[in-house]
Protein backbone atom coordinates (compact mmCIF):
# COMPACT_ATOMS: atom_id res chain seq x y z
CA MET A 1 -56.95 65.91 -167.93
CA THR A 2 -53.82 65.50 -170.04
CA LEU A 3 -51.08 68.09 -170.17
CA THR A 4 -51.77 68.79 -173.87
CA SER A 5 -55.48 69.46 -173.28
CA ARG A 6 -55.16 72.15 -170.69
CA PRO A 7 -54.81 75.90 -171.33
CA SER A 8 -51.36 77.49 -171.11
CA ILE A 9 -50.56 79.03 -167.74
CA SER A 10 -47.90 81.54 -166.69
CA GLY A 11 -47.01 81.85 -163.03
CA PHE A 12 -45.72 85.25 -161.93
CA THR A 13 -44.54 87.13 -158.86
CA PHE A 14 -42.30 89.94 -157.65
CA VAL A 15 -39.88 89.86 -154.74
CA ARG A 16 -37.02 91.71 -153.07
CA ASP A 17 -34.87 90.64 -150.10
CA ALA A 18 -36.82 87.41 -149.57
CA VAL A 19 -34.03 85.81 -147.54
CA LYS A 20 -33.46 88.77 -145.23
CA LEU A 21 -37.21 89.12 -144.61
CA ASP A 22 -37.85 85.35 -144.50
CA TYR A 23 -40.32 85.06 -147.37
CA PRO A 24 -40.93 81.44 -148.48
CA ILE A 25 -40.25 82.41 -152.09
CA ALA A 26 -38.80 79.04 -153.16
CA GLU A 27 -41.76 77.18 -151.65
CA SER A 28 -44.17 79.59 -153.31
CA ILE A 29 -42.69 79.09 -156.77
CA ARG A 30 -42.36 75.32 -156.39
CA SER A 31 -45.97 75.02 -155.24
CA ILE A 32 -47.37 75.69 -158.73
CA LEU A 33 -44.49 74.65 -160.98
CA PRO A 34 -46.26 71.34 -161.74
CA ILE A 35 -49.16 73.18 -163.40
CA VAL A 36 -47.52 76.15 -165.17
CA ASP A 37 -45.65 76.43 -168.46
CA GLU A 38 -43.42 79.26 -167.22
CA PHE A 39 -42.88 81.21 -164.02
CA ILE A 40 -41.95 84.89 -164.29
CA VAL A 41 -40.04 86.28 -161.29
CA ASN A 42 -39.57 90.05 -161.15
CA LEU A 43 -36.55 90.31 -158.87
CA GLY A 44 -35.98 93.69 -157.28
CA ASP A 45 -32.66 95.22 -156.24
CA CYS A 46 -31.85 92.81 -153.40
CA SER A 47 -29.30 93.16 -150.64
CA ASP A 48 -29.23 89.41 -149.94
CA ASN A 49 -28.97 86.12 -151.84
CA THR A 50 -32.58 85.89 -153.01
CA ARG A 51 -31.43 85.40 -156.60
CA GLU A 52 -29.30 82.39 -155.68
CA VAL A 53 -32.20 80.83 -153.76
CA ILE A 54 -34.47 81.11 -156.80
CA GLU A 55 -31.80 79.88 -159.22
CA ALA A 56 -31.22 76.86 -156.98
CA ILE A 57 -34.70 75.60 -157.86
CA ALA A 58 -33.04 74.82 -161.19
CA ASP A 59 -36.13 74.71 -163.37
CA PRO A 60 -35.92 76.01 -166.96
CA ARG A 61 -39.48 77.36 -166.73
CA ILE A 62 -38.36 80.04 -164.26
CA LYS A 63 -37.57 83.33 -165.99
CA LEU A 64 -35.88 86.05 -163.96
CA LEU A 65 -36.37 89.76 -164.60
CA HIS A 66 -34.28 92.36 -162.80
CA THR A 67 -35.65 95.72 -161.70
CA THR A 68 -34.68 98.63 -159.48
CA TRP A 69 -37.48 99.93 -157.29
CA ASN A 70 -38.27 103.64 -157.53
CA PRO A 71 -38.43 105.27 -154.05
CA ASP A 72 -40.77 107.92 -155.47
CA ARG A 73 -43.39 105.16 -155.78
CA PHE A 74 -43.12 104.13 -152.11
CA VAL A 75 -46.54 105.66 -151.42
CA ARG A 76 -49.59 103.58 -150.45
CA GLY A 77 -47.92 100.50 -151.90
CA ALA A 78 -47.87 101.82 -155.48
CA THR A 79 -44.51 100.19 -156.17
CA ASN A 80 -46.02 96.78 -155.34
CA ALA A 81 -48.56 97.21 -158.13
CA ASP A 82 -45.84 98.50 -160.45
CA GLN A 83 -43.66 95.44 -159.90
CA THR A 84 -46.62 93.07 -160.21
CA ASN A 85 -47.57 94.61 -163.56
CA ILE A 86 -44.01 94.31 -164.86
CA ALA A 87 -44.11 90.57 -164.20
CA LEU A 88 -47.64 90.24 -165.59
CA ASP A 89 -46.61 91.97 -168.82
CA HIS A 90 -43.96 89.29 -169.42
CA CYS A 91 -46.43 86.40 -169.13
CA SER A 92 -47.18 84.53 -172.36
CA GLY A 93 -49.87 82.11 -171.19
CA GLU A 94 -53.62 82.20 -171.76
CA TRP A 95 -53.99 82.50 -168.00
CA CYS A 96 -51.66 84.21 -165.52
CA PHE A 97 -51.33 82.76 -162.01
CA TYR A 98 -50.19 85.34 -159.46
CA LEU A 99 -48.63 84.36 -156.15
CA GLN A 100 -47.10 86.83 -153.76
CA ALA A 101 -43.81 85.74 -152.21
CA ASP A 102 -45.49 84.52 -149.00
CA GLU A 103 -48.35 82.64 -150.71
CA VAL A 104 -48.33 78.89 -151.38
CA ILE A 105 -50.74 76.51 -153.12
CA HIS A 106 -51.52 73.03 -151.80
CA GLU A 107 -50.78 70.23 -154.24
CA ASN A 108 -54.24 68.80 -153.54
CA ASP A 109 -55.74 71.85 -155.26
CA HIS A 110 -53.87 71.54 -158.55
CA HIS A 111 -56.61 69.47 -160.19
CA ARG A 112 -59.32 71.88 -159.02
CA ILE A 113 -57.51 74.81 -160.60
CA LEU A 114 -56.89 73.00 -163.88
CA ASP A 115 -60.44 71.72 -164.08
CA THR A 116 -61.85 75.19 -163.46
CA LEU A 117 -59.63 76.74 -166.12
CA ASP A 118 -60.67 74.04 -168.55
CA ARG A 119 -64.36 74.84 -167.97
CA CYS A 120 -63.68 78.55 -168.46
CA ARG A 121 -62.21 78.10 -171.95
CA THR A 122 -65.71 78.16 -173.47
CA HIS A 123 -66.85 81.06 -171.27
CA PRO A 124 -65.15 84.22 -172.55
CA GLY A 125 -66.98 86.30 -169.96
CA VAL A 126 -64.69 84.96 -167.21
CA ASP A 127 -61.83 87.33 -166.35
CA GLY A 128 -60.26 85.41 -163.49
CA LEU A 129 -60.39 82.81 -160.73
CA LEU A 130 -61.19 83.36 -157.08
CA PHE A 131 -59.37 81.59 -154.23
CA SER A 132 -60.17 81.20 -150.55
CA TYR A 133 -57.47 82.04 -147.99
CA ASN A 134 -55.76 80.59 -144.95
CA HIS A 135 -53.97 83.44 -143.16
CA PHE A 136 -51.53 81.92 -140.66
CA TRP A 137 -50.58 83.96 -137.62
CA GLY A 138 -47.72 83.54 -135.18
CA ASP A 139 -47.08 79.90 -136.05
CA TYR A 140 -48.23 77.22 -138.47
CA ASN A 141 -51.03 76.02 -136.17
CA ARG A 142 -53.08 79.23 -136.00
CA VAL A 143 -55.18 80.61 -138.84
CA HIS A 144 -57.32 83.76 -138.92
CA ARG A 145 -61.07 83.54 -139.38
CA SER A 146 -61.75 87.13 -138.30
CA HIS A 147 -63.83 89.62 -140.29
CA CYS A 148 -60.80 91.90 -140.62
CA TRP A 149 -58.93 89.30 -142.70
CA TYR A 150 -60.06 88.88 -146.31
CA SER A 151 -61.43 85.39 -146.92
CA HIS A 152 -61.06 85.38 -150.74
CA ASP A 153 -59.17 87.10 -153.53
CA ILE A 154 -58.28 86.84 -157.22
CA ARG A 155 -55.09 84.99 -158.08
CA VAL A 156 -55.57 83.88 -161.70
CA VAL A 157 -56.40 86.34 -164.50
CA ARG A 158 -57.01 85.93 -168.22
CA SER A 159 -54.34 87.51 -170.42
CA GLY A 160 -54.90 90.06 -173.18
CA ARG A 161 -57.61 92.06 -171.42
CA GLY A 162 -55.71 94.94 -169.94
CA ILE A 163 -56.08 93.57 -166.42
CA ARG A 164 -53.85 95.41 -163.97
CA SER A 165 -52.70 95.07 -160.39
CA TRP A 166 -54.94 97.06 -158.05
CA LYS A 167 -53.86 99.36 -155.23
CA SER A 168 -51.05 97.70 -153.20
CA ALA A 169 -51.03 94.60 -155.43
CA GLN A 170 -53.59 92.78 -153.32
CA SER A 171 -55.92 92.12 -156.25
CA PHE A 172 -56.76 93.07 -159.86
CA ARG A 173 -59.10 95.31 -161.83
CA MET A 174 -59.76 96.43 -165.41
CA ASP A 175 -60.36 99.74 -167.20
CA GLU A 176 -57.87 101.75 -165.15
CA GLY A 177 -59.19 100.37 -161.90
CA THR A 178 -62.84 101.22 -162.52
CA ARG A 179 -64.21 97.73 -163.23
CA LYS A 180 -64.16 94.66 -161.02
CA LEU A 181 -63.29 91.35 -162.65
CA ARG A 182 -65.90 88.70 -163.41
CA VAL A 183 -64.63 85.61 -161.64
CA VAL A 184 -65.35 81.95 -161.01
CA ASP A 185 -64.57 80.28 -157.70
CA SER A 186 -61.62 77.93 -158.25
CA GLY A 187 -62.44 75.79 -155.23
CA ALA A 188 -58.77 76.13 -154.26
CA CYS A 189 -57.07 77.89 -151.36
CA VAL A 190 -54.07 80.17 -150.95
CA TYR A 191 -51.93 79.42 -147.89
CA HIS A 192 -50.68 82.81 -146.73
CA TYR A 193 -47.60 82.68 -144.48
CA GLY A 194 -46.83 86.39 -144.34
CA TRP A 195 -47.35 86.56 -140.58
CA VAL A 196 -45.32 83.51 -139.53
CA ARG A 197 -41.79 84.63 -138.75
CA HIS A 198 -39.48 84.88 -135.79
CA PRO A 199 -40.73 88.01 -133.97
CA LEU A 200 -37.46 89.87 -134.62
CA VAL A 201 -37.68 89.10 -138.34
CA MET A 202 -41.40 89.95 -138.33
CA ARG A 203 -40.55 93.42 -137.03
CA ARG A 204 -37.97 93.83 -139.80
CA LYS A 205 -40.43 92.65 -142.43
CA GLN A 206 -43.22 94.93 -141.21
CA LYS A 207 -40.91 97.93 -141.26
CA ALA A 208 -39.89 97.12 -144.83
CA LEU A 209 -43.54 96.77 -145.84
CA ASP A 210 -44.67 99.94 -144.09
CA ARG A 211 -41.85 101.86 -145.75
CA LEU A 212 -43.56 101.15 -149.09
CA HIS A 213 -46.82 102.65 -147.85
CA HIS A 214 -46.05 105.51 -145.50
CA SER A 215 -44.01 108.66 -145.02
CA ALA A 216 -40.82 108.97 -142.98
CA ASP A 217 -42.76 110.80 -140.25
CA TRP A 218 -45.28 107.96 -140.05
CA MET A 219 -42.48 105.43 -139.85
CA LYS A 220 -40.79 107.32 -137.02
CA LYS A 221 -44.05 107.52 -135.07
CA HIS A 222 -45.09 103.90 -135.48
CA HIS A 223 -41.74 102.10 -135.43
CA ASP A 224 -39.75 104.53 -133.32
CA GLY A 225 -36.47 103.43 -134.89
CA SER A 226 -36.45 100.34 -132.70
CA ASP A 227 -36.01 96.68 -133.54
CA THR A 228 -38.11 95.28 -130.71
CA PRO A 229 -39.66 91.86 -131.38
CA TRP A 230 -43.07 91.83 -132.98
CA ASP A 231 -45.78 90.99 -130.45
CA TYR A 232 -48.35 88.63 -131.99
CA GLY A 233 -50.55 88.94 -128.92
CA PRO A 234 -52.35 85.97 -127.31
CA LEU A 235 -52.41 83.17 -129.87
CA SER A 236 -55.32 81.60 -127.98
CA LYS A 237 -57.51 84.28 -129.61
CA VAL A 238 -56.69 82.87 -133.07
CA PRO A 239 -58.40 79.62 -134.19
CA LEU A 240 -56.41 76.42 -134.51
CA PHE A 241 -55.72 75.08 -137.99
CA SER A 242 -56.94 71.52 -138.51
CA GLY A 243 -55.87 70.86 -142.10
CA THR A 244 -52.61 69.92 -143.78
CA HIS A 245 -49.97 72.24 -145.18
CA PRO A 246 -48.62 72.12 -148.73
CA ALA A 247 -45.88 69.51 -149.05
CA VAL A 248 -43.34 72.13 -150.17
CA MET A 249 -43.60 73.73 -146.72
CA ALA A 250 -42.55 70.59 -144.82
CA ASP A 251 -38.89 71.53 -144.29
CA ARG A 252 -39.67 75.11 -143.31
CA ILE A 253 -42.27 74.00 -140.77
CA ARG A 254 -40.00 71.27 -139.37
CA ASN A 255 -37.09 73.71 -138.97
CA LYS A 256 -39.06 76.35 -137.05
CA ASP A 257 -37.09 76.88 -133.82
CA TRP A 258 -38.92 79.73 -132.06
CA ARG A 259 -42.20 80.33 -130.20
CA ALA A 260 -44.08 83.58 -130.63
CA GLU A 261 -45.47 83.30 -127.10
CA GLU A 262 -42.02 83.82 -125.62
CA PHE A 263 -41.72 87.32 -127.06
CA GLY A 264 -45.08 88.87 -126.15
CA ASP A 265 -46.04 90.99 -123.15
CA PRO A 266 -49.27 89.59 -121.65
CA ALA A 267 -49.55 92.59 -119.34
CA HIS A 268 -49.62 95.00 -122.28
CA PRO A 269 -51.17 93.18 -125.24
CA PRO A 270 -50.92 94.83 -128.66
CA ARG A 271 -53.96 96.44 -130.29
CA HIS A 272 -54.14 94.18 -133.32
CA GLU A 273 -57.44 94.68 -135.10
CA HIS A 274 -58.60 91.10 -134.64
CA LEU A 275 -58.26 91.52 -130.85
CA LEU A 276 -60.58 94.53 -130.61
CA LEU A 277 -63.94 93.83 -128.95
CA SER A 278 -65.89 95.42 -131.80
CA MET A 279 -64.15 93.19 -134.35
CA ARG A 280 -64.62 90.07 -132.26
CA LEU A 281 -68.35 90.81 -131.93
CA HIS A 282 -68.61 91.42 -135.68
CA THR A 283 -66.90 88.10 -136.37
CA MET A 284 -69.15 86.26 -133.92
CA LEU A 285 -72.26 87.71 -135.59
CA GLU A 286 -71.05 86.60 -139.04
CA ARG A 287 -70.46 83.08 -137.77
CA LEU A 288 -73.89 83.02 -136.13
CA LEU A 289 -75.62 84.15 -139.34
CA GLY A 290 -73.38 82.12 -141.63
CA THR A 291 -72.70 85.05 -143.96
CA SER A 292 -70.29 87.95 -144.38
CA ILE A 293 -71.46 91.39 -143.29
CA GLY A 294 -69.79 94.20 -145.20
CA GLY A 295 -66.72 92.15 -146.06
CA TYR A 296 -64.07 92.78 -148.70
CA SER A 297 -65.30 91.82 -152.20
CA ASN A 298 -63.30 93.13 -155.15
CA TRP A 299 -64.98 90.98 -157.84
CA LYS A 300 -68.24 89.86 -159.41
CA LYS A 301 -68.86 86.12 -159.22
CA ILE A 302 -70.50 84.55 -162.24
CA PRO A 303 -71.66 80.97 -162.85
CA VAL A 304 -69.92 78.63 -165.28
């Protein structure tokens, strides 16, 4: 497929304090620059040098917006959807490719995405593209396959249809959130690195994220004002990853200088959902049957 034959694509994201919270924002943006015509970055009111990190990519397709987040919208993640929609509204492409600041695309999937979009041009009933997920946990060698982790989600949407970010910006819907999108499986995968950080930074990141979803009383109860290291629990309970990582992640992976196992408390393991017996049994049953049982599905798949 030649560059002139493909549909126009806008990449878009939102981010704030990516450096302080160790989001791989530069890697995320760079991972799809080869296949987009522009990349819209909605940059929140940062207290670090996130802007300089993004500007250092030095690509004219990157367009920075600047916003101030409204604390009144720090309820159930509403501000995340707000900021996503601001970026989406500035996209000019036929298709809009959304990546959160901790999501990366493998270069081996670029052709799959472009080929799928090309097929969809003659199918106006398609609203978006579906992607599978690799959720990394604790380090770059462990990836979740538990029922409690969503296995797919929408990351490309067609422009001009009133599609909006849904709930805490995890996915998308139409008609004021009442209609699920009609999607085609892209055959591509999102590499999600939101849970691979030094345990001290992971605690900081989780507090920042929870602050966007919960009240001050909830924060006090669950975080107790402390900065204790995040306990990932026994990594042996999380499957090993056997594939390759996106090339843009090579330096970050090589420079990792900590081990999650050194910060946990084996005598008092955390109650992460994937460690619960009921969830482990549910996951085992799904694997035995080869199908999802009551899993997350915010879309309607259609053939193309």
